[in-house]
Amino acid sequence: MYNSAPGSAEISEGGVFTTVLVVEEQFVSEFLRSVLSKRGYRVICATFERAKSILRQGPEPVDLVITNRPLEFVATPDVPILYVAACPDPEMIRGFGRALSLSKPFHPRDLLECLRSLVD
């Protein structure tokens, strides 16, 4: 599965083009796509295997990954990770250069604050 948000603007609310790769359950992915695309982020939703391929080969650079399984992306430690889980384990993101965790459920405002912190 590889989907770009239809109609999403190419300028995020922070004024910087930002591509977010979401690797989550369908319900969560659609929620994240809705919240982020309305704020101008380009959102790509993918399975774990497709996400790994996107990170290795493109077709475009990814600025941030949002996932509930960060260890799947340990081979790409330079890409910022937002780890979302009901009870996030801080050990899961220890090996990443830039990573934050966010507890589910979360408010869109908290999501956007985390994204700004990781992408700035």
PDB file of N, CA and C in Angstrom:
ATOM      1  N   MET A   1       0.843  -1.178   0.000  1.00  0.00           N
ATOM      2  CA  MET A   1       0.000   0.000   0.000  1.00  0.00           C
ATOM      3  C   MET A   1       0.883   1.235   0.000  1.00  0.00           C
ATOM      4  N   TYR A   2       0.643   2.143  -0.901  1.00  0.00           N
ATOM      5  CA  TYR A   2       1.414   3.381  -1.005  1.00  0.00           C
ATOM      6  C   TYR A   2       0.460   4.458  -1.457  1.00  0.00           C
ATOM      7  N   ASN A   3       0.173   5.377  -0.568  1.00  0.00           N
ATOM      8  CA  ASN A   3      -0.803   6.411  -0.896  1.00  0.00           C
ATOM      9  C   ASN A   3      -0.318   7.770  -0.457  1.00  0.00           C
ATOM     10  N   SER A   4      -0.356   8.735  -1.342  1.00  0.00           N
ATOM     11  CA  SER A   4      -0.102  10.117  -0.968  1.00  0.00           C
ATOM     12  C   SER A   4      -1.437  10.759  -0.694  1.00  0.00           C
ATOM     13  N   ALA A   5      -1.449  11.696   0.212  1.00  0.00           N
ATOM     14  CA  ALA A   5      -2.691  12.368   0.558  1.00  0.00           C
ATOM     15  C   ALA A   5      -3.196  13.173  -0.624  1.00  0.00           C
ATOM     16  N   PRO A   6      -4.412  12.890  -1.080  1.00  0.00           N
ATOM     17  CA  PRO A   6      -4.934  13.655  -2.202  1.00  0.00           C
ATOM     18  C   PRO A   6      -5.173  15.095  -1.794  1.00  0.00           C
ATOM     19  N   GLY A   7      -4.739  15.991  -2.649  1.00  0.00           N
ATOM     20  CA  GLY A   7      -5.008  17.398  -2.401  1.00  0.00           C
ATOM     21  C   GLY A   7      -4.186  18.026  -1.295  1.00  0.00           C
ATOM     22  N   SER A   8      -3.192  17.324  -0.769  1.00  0.00           N
ATOM     23  CA  SER A   8      -2.421  17.930   0.310  1.00  0.00           C
ATOM     24  C   SER A   8      -1.506  19.013  -0.252  1.00  0.00           C
ATOM     25  N   ALA A   9      -1.347  20.054   0.523  1.00  0.00           N
ATOM     26  CA  ALA A   9      -0.485  21.163   0.102  1.00  0.00           C
ATOM     27  C   ALA A   9       0.965  20.737   0.223  1.00  0.00           C
ATOM     28  N   GLU A  10       1.851  21.439  -0.461  1.00  0.00           N
ATOM     29  CA  GLU A  10       3.265  21.095  -0.393  1.00  0.00           C
ATOM     30  C   GLU A  10       4.015  21.949   0.612  1.00  0.00           C
ATOM     31  N   ILE A  11       3.319  22.767   1.348  1.00  0.00           N
ATOM     32  CA  ILE A  11       3.952  23.571   2.384  1.00  0.00           C
ATOM     33  C   ILE A  11       3.265  23.252   3.698  1.00  0.00           C
ATOM     34  N   SER A  12       4.034  22.825   4.685  1.00  0.00           N
ATOM     35  CA  SER A  12       3.450  22.519   5.986  1.00  0.00           C
ATOM     36  C   SER A  12       3.182  23.802   6.737  1.00  0.00           C
ATOM     37  N   GLU A  13       2.492  23.679   7.848  1.00  0.00           N
ATOM     38  CA  GLU A  13       2.169  24.865   8.637  1.00  0.00           C
ATOM     39  C   GLU A  13       3.425  25.566   9.128  1.00  0.00           C
ATOM     40  N   GLY A  14       4.542  24.842   9.218  1.00  0.00           N
ATOM     41  CA  GLY A  14       5.790  25.450   9.621  1.00  0.00           C
ATOM     42  C   GLY A  14       6.518  26.112   8.469  1.00  0.00           C
ATOM     43  N   GLY A  15       5.957  26.034   7.265  1.00  0.00           N
ATOM     44  CA  GLY A  15       6.565  26.678   6.110  1.00  0.00           C
ATOM     45  C   GLY A  15       7.630  25.840   5.432  1.00  0.00           C
ATOM     46  N   VAL A  16       7.764  24.575   5.790  1.00  0.00           N
ATOM     47  CA  VAL A  16       8.784  23.709   5.227  1.00  0.00           C
ATOM     48  C   VAL A  16       8.090  22.486   4.629  1.00  0.00           C
ATOM     49  N   PHE A  17       8.491  22.101   3.437  1.00  0.00           N
ATOM     50  CA  PHE A  17       7.943  20.907   2.814  1.00  0.00           C
ATOM     51  C   PHE A  17       8.305  19.707   3.685  1.00  0.00           C
ATOM     52  N   THR A  18       7.318  18.933   4.112  1.00  0.00           N
ATOM     53  CA  THR A  18       7.561  17.811   5.005  1.00  0.00           C
ATOM     54  C   THR A  18       6.793  16.584   4.533  1.00  0.00           C
ATOM     55  N   THR A  19       7.497  15.471   4.335  1.00  0.00           N
ATOM     56  CA  THR A  19       6.873  14.207   3.970  1.00  0.00           C
ATOM     57  C   THR A  19       6.920  13.286   5.171  1.00  0.00           C
ATOM     58  N   VAL A  20       5.749  12.784   5.566  1.00  0.00           N
ATOM     59  CA  VAL A  20       5.616  11.910   6.720  1.00  0.00           C
ATOM     60  C   VAL A  20       5.200  10.525   6.233  1.00  0.00           C
ATOM     61  N   LEU A  21       5.962   9.516   6.627  1.00  0.00           N
ATOM     62  CA  LEU A  21       5.652   8.127   6.307  1.00  0.00           C
ATOM     63  C   LEU A  21       4.966   7.517   7.523  1.00  0.00           C
ATOM     64  N   VAL A  22       3.724   7.083   7.347  1.00  0.00           N
ATOM     65  CA  VAL A  22       2.938   6.496   8.432  1.00  0.00           C
ATOM     66  C   VAL A  22       2.873   4.993   8.243  1.00  0.00           C
ATOM     67  N   VAL A  23       3.288   4.258   9.280  1.00  0.00           N
ATOM     68  CA  VAL A  23       3.279   2.802   9.245  1.00  0.00           C
ATOM     69  C   VAL A  23       2.537   2.342  10.489  1.00  0.00           C
ATOM     70  N   GLU A  24       1.262   2.183  10.336  1.00  0.00           N
ATOM     71  CA  GLU A  24       0.354   1.921  11.454  1.00  0.00           C
ATOM     72  C   GLU A  24      -0.830   1.097  10.966  1.00  0.00           C
ATOM     73  N   GLU A  25      -1.711   0.736  11.905  1.00  0.00           N
ATOM     74  CA  GLU A  25      -2.976   0.083  11.562  1.00  0.00           C
ATOM     75  C   GLU A  25      -3.796   1.041  10.701  1.00  0.00           C
ATOM     76  N   GLN A  26      -4.700   0.501   9.899  1.00  0.00           N
ATOM     77  CA  GLN A  26      -5.448   1.323   8.953  1.00  0.00           C
ATOM     78  C   GLN A  26      -6.213   2.448   9.634  1.00  0.00           C
ATOM     79  N   PHE A  27      -6.891   2.168  10.729  1.00  0.00           N
ATOM     80  CA  PHE A  27      -7.672   3.201  11.412  1.00  0.00           C
ATOM     81  C   PHE A  27      -6.778   4.356  11.864  1.00  0.00           C
ATOM     82  N   VAL A  28      -5.656   4.027  12.473  1.00  0.00           N
ATOM     83  CA  VAL A  28      -4.725   5.049  12.951  1.00  0.00           C
ATOM     84  C   VAL A  28      -4.098   5.783  11.767  1.00  0.00           C
ATOM     85  N   SER A  29      -3.743   5.049  10.722  1.00  0.00           N
ATOM     86  CA  SER A  29      -3.165   5.672   9.532  1.00  0.00           C
ATOM     87  C   SER A  29      -4.108   6.698   8.924  1.00  0.00           C
ATOM     88  N   GLU A  30      -5.374   6.346   8.814  1.00  0.00           N
ATOM     89  CA  GLU A  30      -6.347   7.274   8.229  1.00  0.00           C
ATOM     90  C   GLU A  30      -6.553   8.501   9.108  1.00  0.00           C
ATOM     91  N   PHE A  31      -6.552   8.317  10.429  1.00  0.00           N
ATOM     92  CA  PHE A  31      -6.650   9.448  11.354  1.00  0.00           C
ATOM     93  C   PHE A  31      -5.449  10.376  11.170  1.00  0.00           C
ATOM     94  N   LEU A  32      -4.248   9.793  11.146  1.00  0.00           N
ATOM     95  CA  LEU A  32      -3.036  10.592  10.981  1.00  0.00           C
ATOM     96  C   LEU A  32      -3.013  11.301   9.632  1.00  0.00           C
ATOM     97  N   ARG A  33      -3.428  10.607   8.578  1.00  0.00           N
ATOM     98  CA  ARG A  33      -3.489  11.222   7.250  1.00  0.00           C
ATOM     99  C   ARG A  33      -4.424  12.433   7.280  1.00  0.00           C
ATOM    100  N   SER A  34      -5.577  12.274   7.896  1.00  0.00           N
ATOM    101  CA  SER A  34      -6.554  13.362   7.957  1.00  0.00           C
ATOM    102  C   SER A  34      -5.994  14.576   8.699  1.00  0.00           C
ATOM    103  N   VAL A  35      -5.459  14.347   9.872  1.00  0.00           N
ATOM    104  CA  VAL A  35      -4.922  15.438  10.691  1.00  0.00           C
ATOM    105  C   VAL A  35      -3.756  16.135   9.992  1.00  0.00           C
ATOM    106  N   LEU A  36      -2.822  15.363   9.490  1.00  0.00           N
ATOM    107  CA  LEU A  36      -1.595  15.940   8.930  1.00  0.00           C
ATOM    108  C   LEU A  36      -1.799  16.567   7.559  1.00  0.00           C
ATOM    109  N   SER A  37      -2.586  15.947   6.699  1.00  0.00           N
ATOM    110  CA  SER A  37      -2.773  16.513   5.362  1.00  0.00           C
ATOM    111  C   SER A  37      -3.539  17.831   5.428  1.00  0.00           C
ATOM    112  N   LYS A  38      -4.433  17.980   6.400  1.00  0.00           N
ATOM    113  CA  LYS A  38      -5.152  19.251   6.563  1.00  0.00           C
ATOM    114  C   LYS A  38      -4.212  20.376   6.975  1.00  0.00           C
ATOM    115  N   ARG A  39      -3.065  20.014   7.514  1.00  0.00           N
ATOM    116  CA  ARG A  39      -2.087  21.014   7.940  1.00  0.00           C
ATOM    117  C   ARG A  39      -0.934  21.135   6.955  1.00  0.00           C
ATOM    118  N   GLY A  40      -1.091  20.537   5.788  1.00  0.00           N
ATOM    119  CA  GLY A  40      -0.126  20.734   4.719  1.00  0.00           C
ATOM    120  C   GLY A  40       1.008  19.744   4.641  1.00  0.00           C
ATOM    121  N   TYR A  41       1.002  18.721   5.470  1.00  0.00           N
ATOM    122  CA  TYR A  41       2.039  17.702   5.382  1.00  0.00           C
ATOM    123  C   TYR A  41       1.687  16.732   4.257  1.00  0.00           C
ATOM    124  N   ARG A  42       2.691  16.251   3.547  1.00  0.00           N
ATOM    125  CA  ARG A  42       2.478  15.173   2.581  1.00  0.00           C
ATOM    126  C   ARG A  42       2.556  13.885   3.387  1.00  0.00           C
ATOM    127  N   VAL A  43       1.544  13.043   3.259  1.00  0.00           N
ATOM    128  CA  VAL A  43       1.442  11.825   4.058  1.00  0.00           C
ATOM    129  C   VAL A  43       1.451  10.609   3.145  1.00  0.00           C
ATOM    130  N   ILE A  44       2.335   9.674   3.448  1.00  0.00           N
ATOM    131  CA  ILE A  44       2.394   8.394   2.750  1.00  0.00           C
ATOM    132  C   ILE A  44       2.088   7.320   3.781  1.00  0.00           C
ATOM    133  N   CYS A  45       1.056   6.513   3.527  1.00  0.00           N
ATOM    134  CA  CYS A  45       0.732   5.389   4.404  1.00  0.00           C
ATOM    135  C   CYS A  45       1.212   4.117   3.724  1.00  0.00           C
ATOM    136  N   ALA A  46       1.885   3.264   4.488  1.00  0.00           N
ATOM    137  CA  ALA A  46       2.459   2.058   3.891  1.00  0.00           C
ATOM    138  C   ALA A  46       2.536   0.934   4.907  1.00  0.00           C
ATOM    139  N   THR A  47       2.663  -0.296   4.389  1.00  0.00           N
ATOM    140  CA  THR A  47       2.942  -1.454   5.230  1.00  0.00           C
ATOM    141  C   THR A  47       4.413  -1.373   5.656  1.00  0.00           C
ATOM    142  N   PHE A  48       4.814  -2.234   6.571  1.00  0.00           N
ATOM    143  CA  PHE A  48       6.214  -2.220   7.020  1.00  0.00           C
ATOM    144  C   PHE A  48       7.168  -2.529   5.880  1.00  0.00           C
ATOM    145  N   GLU A  49       6.865  -3.531   5.092  1.00  0.00           N
ATOM    146  CA  GLU A  49       7.754  -3.889   3.986  1.00  0.00           C
ATOM    147  C   GLU A  49       7.847  -2.771   2.959  1.00  0.00           C
ATOM    148  N   ARG A  50       6.717  -2.189   2.598  1.00  0.00           N
ATOM    149  CA  ARG A  50       6.722  -1.099   1.614  1.00  0.00           C
ATOM    150  C   ARG A  50       7.445   0.114   2.187  1.00  0.00           C
ATOM    151  N   ALA A  51       7.254   0.393   3.465  1.00  0.00           N
ATOM    152  CA  ALA A  51       7.918   1.537   4.107  1.00  0.00           C
ATOM    153  C   ALA A  51       9.436   1.380   4.056  1.00  0.00           C
ATOM    154  N   LYS A  52       9.920   0.188   4.316  1.00  0.00           N
ATOM    155  CA  LYS A  52      11.368  -0.051   4.254  1.00  0.00           C
ATOM    156  C   LYS A  52      11.890   0.203   2.844  1.00  0.00           C
ATOM    157  N   SER A  53      11.127  -0.218   1.859  1.00  0.00           N
ATOM    158  CA  SER A  53      11.510   0.006   0.468  1.00  0.00           C
ATOM    159  C   SER A  53      11.514   1.496   0.136  1.00  0.00           C
ATOM    160  N   ILE A  54      10.512   2.210   0.586  1.00  0.00           N
ATOM    161  CA  ILE A  54      10.441   3.661   0.357  1.00  0.00           C
ATOM    162  C   ILE A  54      11.647   4.356   0.980  1.00  0.00           C
ATOM    163  N   LEU A  55      12.017   3.957   2.178  1.00  0.00           N
ATOM    164  CA  LEU A  55      13.151   4.579   2.855  1.00  0.00           C
ATOM    165  C   LEU A  55      14.474   4.279   2.142  1.00  0.00           C
ATOM    166  N   ARG A  56      14.584   3.094   1.549  1.00  0.00           N
ATOM    167  CA  ARG A  56      15.816   2.714   0.841  1.00  0.00           C
ATOM    168  C   ARG A  56      15.895   3.318  -0.557  1.00  0.00           C
ATOM    169  N   GLN A  57      14.753   3.302  -1.280  1.00  0.00           N
ATOM    170  CA  GLN A  57      14.797   3.590  -2.707  1.00  0.00           C
ATOM    171  C   GLN A  57      13.942   4.765  -3.161  1.00  0.00           C
ATOM    172  N   GLY A  58      13.235   5.418  -2.284  1.00  0.00           N
ATOM    173  CA  GLY A  58      12.379   6.526  -2.712  1.00  0.00           C
ATOM    174  C   GLY A  58      10.995   6.054  -3.071  1.00  0.00           C
ATOM    175  N   PRO A  59      10.245   6.788  -3.808  1.00  0.00           N
ATOM    176  CA  PRO A  59      10.601   7.724  -4.857  1.00  0.00           C
ATOM    177  C   PRO A  59      10.930   9.130  -4.368  1.00  0.00           C
ATOM    178  N   GLU A  60      10.675   9.430  -3.116  1.00  0.00           N
ATOM    179  CA  GLU A  60      10.980  10.758  -2.600  1.00  0.00           C
ATOM    180  C   GLU A  60      11.547  10.623  -1.196  1.00  0.00           C
ATOM    181  N   PRO A  61      12.287  11.623  -0.744  1.00  0.00           N
ATOM    182  CA  PRO A  61      12.831  11.555   0.620  1.00  0.00           C
ATOM    183  C   PRO A  61      11.722  11.644   1.660  1.00  0.00           C
ATOM    184  N   VAL A  62      11.933  10.958   2.764  1.00  0.00           N
ATOM    185  CA  VAL A  62      10.992  10.968   3.883  1.00  0.00           C
ATOM    186  C   VAL A  62      11.629  11.762   5.013  1.00  0.00           C
ATOM    187  N   ASP A  63      10.861  12.700   5.572  1.00  0.00           N
ATOM    188  CA  ASP A  63      11.371  13.543   6.649  1.00  0.00           C
ATOM    189  C   ASP A  63      11.125  12.957   8.034  1.00  0.00           C
ATOM    190  N   LEU A  64      10.131  12.068   8.144  1.00  0.00           N
ATOM    191  CA  LEU A  64       9.743  11.547   9.452  1.00  0.00           C
ATOM    192  C   LEU A  64       8.930  10.278   9.275  1.00  0.00           C
ATOM    193  N   VAL A  65       9.103   9.321  10.203  1.00  0.00           N
ATOM    194  CA  VAL A  65       8.298   8.098  10.212  1.00  0.00           C
ATOM    195  C   VAL A  65       7.472   8.087  11.498  1.00  0.00           C
ATOM    196  N   ILE A  66       6.186   7.790  11.348  1.00  0.00           N
ATOM    197  CA  ILE A  66       5.310   7.578  12.505  1.00  0.00           C
ATOM    198  C   ILE A  66       4.936   6.109  12.494  1.00  0.00           C
ATOM    199  N   THR A  67       5.192   5.416  13.615  1.00  0.00           N
ATOM    200  CA  THR A  67       4.941   3.974  13.673  1.00  0.00           C
ATOM    201  C   THR A  67       4.713   3.509  15.104  1.00  0.00           C
ATOM    202  N   ASN A  68       4.095   2.336  15.220  1.00  0.00           N
ATOM    203  CA  ASN A  68       3.952   1.706  16.531  1.00  0.00           C
ATOM    204  C   ASN A  68       4.997   0.601  16.723  1.00  0.00           C
ATOM    205  N   ARG A  69       5.859   0.407  15.719  1.00  0.00           N
ATOM    206  CA  ARG A  69       6.929  -0.597  15.803  1.00  0.00           C
ATOM    207  C   ARG A  69       8.247   0.003  15.313  1.00  0.00           C
ATOM    208  N   PRO A  70       8.861   0.853  16.099  1.00  0.00           N
ATOM    209  CA  PRO A  70      10.069   1.548  15.650  1.00  0.00           C
ATOM    210  C   PRO A  70      11.252   0.633  15.363  1.00  0.00           C
ATOM    211  N   LEU A  71      11.338  -0.500  16.027  1.00  0.00           N
ATOM    212  CA  LEU A  71      12.487  -1.377  15.815  1.00  0.00           C
ATOM    213  C   LEU A  71      12.540  -1.916  14.388  1.00  0.00           C
ATOM    214  N   GLU A  72      11.425  -1.872  13.681  1.00  0.00           N
ATOM    215  CA  GLU A  72      11.405  -2.265  12.266  1.00  0.00           C
ATOM    216  C   GLU A  72      12.288  -1.326  11.425  1.00  0.00           C
ATOM    217  N   PHE A  73      12.584  -0.142  11.960  1.00  0.00           N
ATOM    218  CA  PHE A  73      13.311   0.880  11.203  1.00  0.00           C
ATOM    219  C   PHE A  73      14.690   1.179  11.779  1.00  0.00           C
ATOM    220  N   VAL A  74      15.221   0.264  12.559  1.00  0.00           N
ATOM    221  CA  VAL A  74      16.521   0.470  13.181  1.00  0.00           C
ATOM    222  C   VAL A  74      17.623   0.595  12.130  1.00  0.00           C
ATOM    223  N   ALA A  75      17.417   0.070  10.937  1.00  0.00           N
ATOM    224  CA  ALA A  75      18.414   0.173   9.869  1.00  0.00           C
ATOM    225  C   ALA A  75      18.468   1.571   9.266  1.00  0.00           C
ATOM    226  N   THR A  76      17.531   2.426   9.612  1.00  0.00           N
ATOM    227  CA  THR A  76      17.511   3.809   9.100  1.00  0.00           C
ATOM    228  C   THR A  76      17.480   4.786  10.276  1.00  0.00           C
ATOM    229  N   PRO A  77      18.524   4.778  11.093  1.00  0.00           N
ATOM    230  CA  PRO A  77      18.516   5.590  12.317  1.00  0.00           C
ATOM    231  C   PRO A  77      18.566   7.096  12.082  1.00  0.00           C
ATOM    232  N   ASP A  78      18.883   7.532  10.856  1.00  0.00           N
ATOM    233  CA  ASP A  78      18.970   8.963  10.583  1.00  0.00           C
ATOM    234  C   ASP A  78      17.614   9.615  10.337  1.00  0.00           C
ATOM    235  N   VAL A  79      16.596   8.809  10.054  1.00  0.00           N
ATOM    236  CA  VAL A  79      15.248   9.349   9.830  1.00  0.00           C
ATOM    237  C   VAL A  79      14.561   9.485  11.182  1.00  0.00           C
ATOM    238  N   PRO A  80      14.054  10.670  11.501  1.00  0.00           N
ATOM    239  CA  PRO A  80      13.357  10.844  12.782  1.00  0.00           C
ATOM    240  C   PRO A  80      12.153   9.904  12.895  1.00  0.00           C
ATOM    241  N   ILE A  81      11.934   9.404  14.098  1.00  0.00           N
ATOM    242  CA  ILE A  81      10.855   8.456  14.373  1.00  0.00           C
ATOM    243  C   ILE A  81       9.933   9.037  15.439  1.00  0.00           C
ATOM    244  N   LEU A  82       8.628   8.984  15.174  1.00  0.00           N
ATOM    245  CA  LEU A  82       7.631   9.255  16.212  1.00  0.00           C
ATOM    246  C   LEU A  82       6.967   7.920  16.508  1.00  0.00           C
ATOM    247  N   TYR A  83       7.223   7.425  17.702  1.00  0.00           N
ATOM    248  CA  TYR A  83       6.738   6.125  18.149  1.00  0.00           C
ATOM    249  C   TYR A  83       5.434   6.350  18.895  1.00  0.00           C
ATOM    250  N   VAL A  84       4.335   5.826  18.359  1.00  0.00           N
ATOM    251  CA  VAL A  84       3.028   5.976  18.978  1.00  0.00           C
ATOM    252  C   VAL A  84       2.551   4.618  19.466  1.00  0.00           C
ATOM    253  N   ALA A  85       2.161   4.543  20.737  1.00  0.00           N
ATOM    254  CA  ALA A  85       1.701   3.296  21.331  1.00  0.00           C
ATOM    255  C   ALA A  85       0.885   3.611  22.580  1.00  0.00           C
ATOM    256  N   ALA A  86       0.065   2.654  22.985  1.00  0.00           N
ATOM    257  CA  ALA A  86      -0.733   2.844  24.195  1.00  0.00           C
ATOM    258  C   ALA A  86       0.174   3.004  25.412  1.00  0.00           C
ATOM    259  N   CYS A  87       1.211   2.206  25.470  1.00  0.00           N
ATOM    260  CA  CYS A  87       2.191   2.283  26.549  1.00  0.00           C
ATOM    261  C   CYS A  87       3.589   2.231  25.941  1.00  0.00           C
ATOM    262  N   PRO A  88       4.077   3.354  25.418  1.00  0.00           N
ATOM    263  CA  PRO A  88       5.379   3.334  24.735  1.00  0.00           C
ATOM    264  C   PRO A  88       6.515   2.942  25.675  1.00  0.00           C
ATOM    265  N   ASP A  89       7.373   2.068  25.190  1.00  0.00           N
ATOM    266  CA  ASP A  89       8.561   1.638  25.923  1.00  0.00           C
ATOM    267  C   ASP A  89       9.738   2.478  25.430  1.00  0.00           C
ATOM    268  N   PRO A  90      10.318   3.342  26.275  1.00  0.00           N
ATOM    269  CA  PRO A  90      11.411   4.211  25.837  1.00  0.00           C
ATOM    270  C   PRO A  90      12.608   3.459  25.267  1.00  0.00           C
ATOM    271  N   GLU A  91      12.793   2.207  25.643  1.00  0.00           N
ATOM    272  CA  GLU A  91      13.901   1.409  25.118  1.00  0.00           C
ATOM    273  C   GLU A  91      13.767   1.165  23.617  1.00  0.00           C
ATOM    274  N   MET A  92      12.553   1.212  23.105  1.00  0.00           N
ATOM    275  CA  MET A  92      12.307   0.927  21.687  1.00  0.00           C
ATOM    276  C   MET A  92      12.903   1.987  20.762  1.00  0.00           C
ATOM    277  N   ILE A  93      13.159   3.192  21.286  1.00  0.00           N
ATOM    278  CA  ILE A  93      13.677   4.262  20.422  1.00  0.00           C
ATOM    279  C   ILE A  93      15.071   4.733  20.833  1.00  0.00           C
ATOM    280  N   ARG A  94      15.681   4.006  21.726  1.00  0.00           N
ATOM    281  CA  ARG A  94      16.990   4.409  22.247  1.00  0.00           C
ATOM    282  C   ARG A  94      18.065   4.511  21.172  1.00  0.00           C
ATOM    283  N   GLY A  95      18.069   3.673  20.159  1.00  0.00           N
ATOM    284  CA  GLY A  95      19.130   3.661  19.157  1.00  0.00           C
ATOM    285  C   GLY A  95      18.977   4.679  18.041  1.00  0.00           C
ATOM    286  N   PHE A  96      17.930   5.479  18.068  1.00  0.00           N
ATOM    287  CA  PHE A  96      17.685   6.446  17.001  1.00  0.00           C
ATOM    288  C   PHE A  96      18.271   7.802  17.357  1.00  0.00           C
ATOM    289  N   GLY A  97      18.761   8.504  16.332  1.00  0.00           N
ATOM    290  CA  GLY A  97      19.325   9.836  16.547  1.00  0.00           C
ATOM    291  C   GLY A  97      18.266  10.820  17.036  1.00  0.00           C
ATOM    292  N   ARG A  98      17.130  10.845  16.364  1.00  0.00           N
ATOM    293  CA  ARG A  98      16.027  11.733  16.747  1.00  0.00           C
ATOM    294  C   ARG A  98      14.759  10.896  16.818  1.00  0.00           C
ATOM    295  N   ALA A  99      14.192  10.800  18.010  1.00  0.00           N
ATOM    296  CA  ALA A  99      12.977  10.018  18.199  1.00  0.00           C
ATOM    297  C   ALA A  99      12.230  10.517  19.422  1.00  0.00           C
ATOM    298  N   LEU A 100      10.921  10.448  19.326  1.00  0.00           N
ATOM    299  CA  LEU A 100      10.041  10.770  20.445  1.00  0.00           C
ATOM    300  C   LEU A 100       8.966   9.701  20.520  1.00  0.00           C
ATOM    301  N   SER A 101       8.353   9.586  21.684  1.00  0.00           N
ATOM    302  CA  SER A 101       7.216   8.685  21.820  1.00  0.00           C
ATOM    303  C   SER A 101       5.982   9.492  22.215  1.00  0.00           C
ATOM    304  N   LEU A 102       4.828   8.984  21.825  1.00  0.00           N
ATOM    305  CA  LEU A 102       3.559   9.638  22.097  1.00  0.00           C
ATOM    306  C   LEU A 102       2.570   8.550  22.477  1.00  0.00           C
ATOM    307  N   SER A 103       1.912   8.723  23.616  1.00  0.00           N
ATOM    308  CA  SER A 103       0.956   7.729  24.101  1.00  0.00           C
ATOM    309  C   SER A 103      -0.391   7.865  23.401  1.00  0.00           C
ATOM    310  N   LYS A 104      -0.933   6.727  22.979  1.00  0.00           N
ATOM    311  CA  LYS A 104      -2.282   6.678  22.418  1.00  0.00           C
ATOM    312  C   LYS A 104      -3.266   6.574  23.575  1.00  0.00           C
ATOM    313  N   PRO A 105      -4.395   7.191  23.525  1.00  0.00           N
ATOM    314  CA  PRO A 105      -4.830   8.153  22.522  1.00  0.00           C
ATOM    315  C   PRO A 105      -4.140   9.495  22.756  1.00  0.00           C
ATOM    316  N   PHE A 106      -4.037  10.285  21.706  1.00  0.00           N
ATOM    317  CA  PHE A 106      -3.390  11.583  21.826  1.00  0.00           C
ATOM    318  C   PHE A 106      -4.225  12.628  21.110  1.00  0.00           C
ATOM    319  N   HIS A 107      -4.011  13.860  21.485  1.00  0.00           N
ATOM    320  CA  HIS A 107      -4.696  14.989  20.866  1.00  0.00           C
ATOM    321  C   HIS A 107      -3.879  15.428  19.646  1.00  0.00           C
ATOM    322  N   PRO A 108      -4.532  15.833  18.561  1.00  0.00           N
ATOM    323  CA  PRO A 108      -3.782  16.295  17.384  1.00  0.00           C
ATOM    324  C   PRO A 108      -2.761  17.382  17.708  1.00  0.00           C
ATOM    325  N   ARG A 109      -3.048  18.227  18.657  1.00  0.00           N
ATOM    326  CA  ARG A 109      -2.100  19.277  19.052  1.00  0.00           C
ATOM    327  C   ARG A 109      -0.790  18.668  19.542  1.00  0.00           C
ATOM    328  N   ASP A 110      -0.888  17.596  20.337  1.00  0.00           N
ATOM    329  CA  ASP A 110       0.318  16.920  20.838  1.00  0.00           C
ATOM    330  C   ASP A 110       1.090  16.251  19.698  1.00  0.00           C
ATOM    331  N   LEU A 111       0.366  15.674  18.761  1.00  0.00           N
ATOM    332  CA  LEU A 111       0.987  15.079  17.584  1.00  0.00           C
ATOM    333  C   LEU A 111       1.780  16.123  16.813  1.00  0.00           C
ATOM    334  N   LEU A 112       1.177  17.269  16.556  1.00  0.00           N
ATOM    335  CA  LEU A 112       1.834  18.318  15.796  1.00  0.00           C
ATOM    336  C   LEU A 112       3.050  18.885  16.525  1.00  0.00           C
ATOM    337  N   GLU A 113       2.970  19.006  17.838  1.00  0.00           N
ATOM    338  CA  GLU A 113       4.130  19.464  18.624  1.00  0.00           C
ATOM    339  C   GLU A 113       5.296  18.491  18.467  1.00  0.00           C
ATOM    340  N   CYS A 114       5.013  17.187  18.523  1.00  0.00           N
ATOM    341  CA  CYS A 114       6.074  16.193  18.349  1.00  0.00           C
ATOM    342  C   CYS A 114       6.688  16.285  16.964  1.00  0.00           C
ATOM    343  N   LEU A 115       5.856  16.430  15.953  1.00  0.00           N
ATOM    344  CA  LEU A 115       6.377  16.533  14.582  1.00  0.00           C
ATOM    345  C   LEU A 115       7.272  17.741  14.439  1.00  0.00           C
ATOM    346  N   ARG A 116       6.832  18.878  14.946  1.00  0.00           N
ATOM    347  CA  ARG A 116       7.650  20.094  14.863  1.00  0.00           C
ATOM    348  C   ARG A 116       8.984  19.895  15.563  1.00  0.00           C
ATOM    349  N   SER A 117       8.974  19.253  16.712  1.00  0.00           N
ATOM    350  CA  SER A 117      10.220  19.032  17.460  1.00  0.00           C
ATOM    351  C   SER A 117      11.183  18.137  16.688  1.00  0.00           C
ATOM    352  N   LEU A 118      10.662  17.141  16.002  1.00  0.00           N
ATOM    353  CA  LEU A 118      11.515  16.202  15.287  1.00  0.00           C
ATOM    354  C   LEU A 118      12.009  16.715  13.943  1.00  0.00           C
ATOM    355  N   VAL A 119      11.229  17.545  13.275  1.00  0.00           N
ATOM    356  CA  VAL A 119      11.579  17.990  11.935  1.00  0.00           C
ATOM    357  C   VAL A 119      12.376  19.291  11.957  1.00  0.00           C
ATOM    358  N   ASP A 120      12.195  20.132  12.944  1.00  0.00           N
ATOM    359  CA  ASP A 120      12.916  21.424  13.011  1.00  0.00           C
ATOM    360  C   ASP A 120      14.405  21.225  13.162  1.00  0.00           C
TER     361      ASP A 120
END
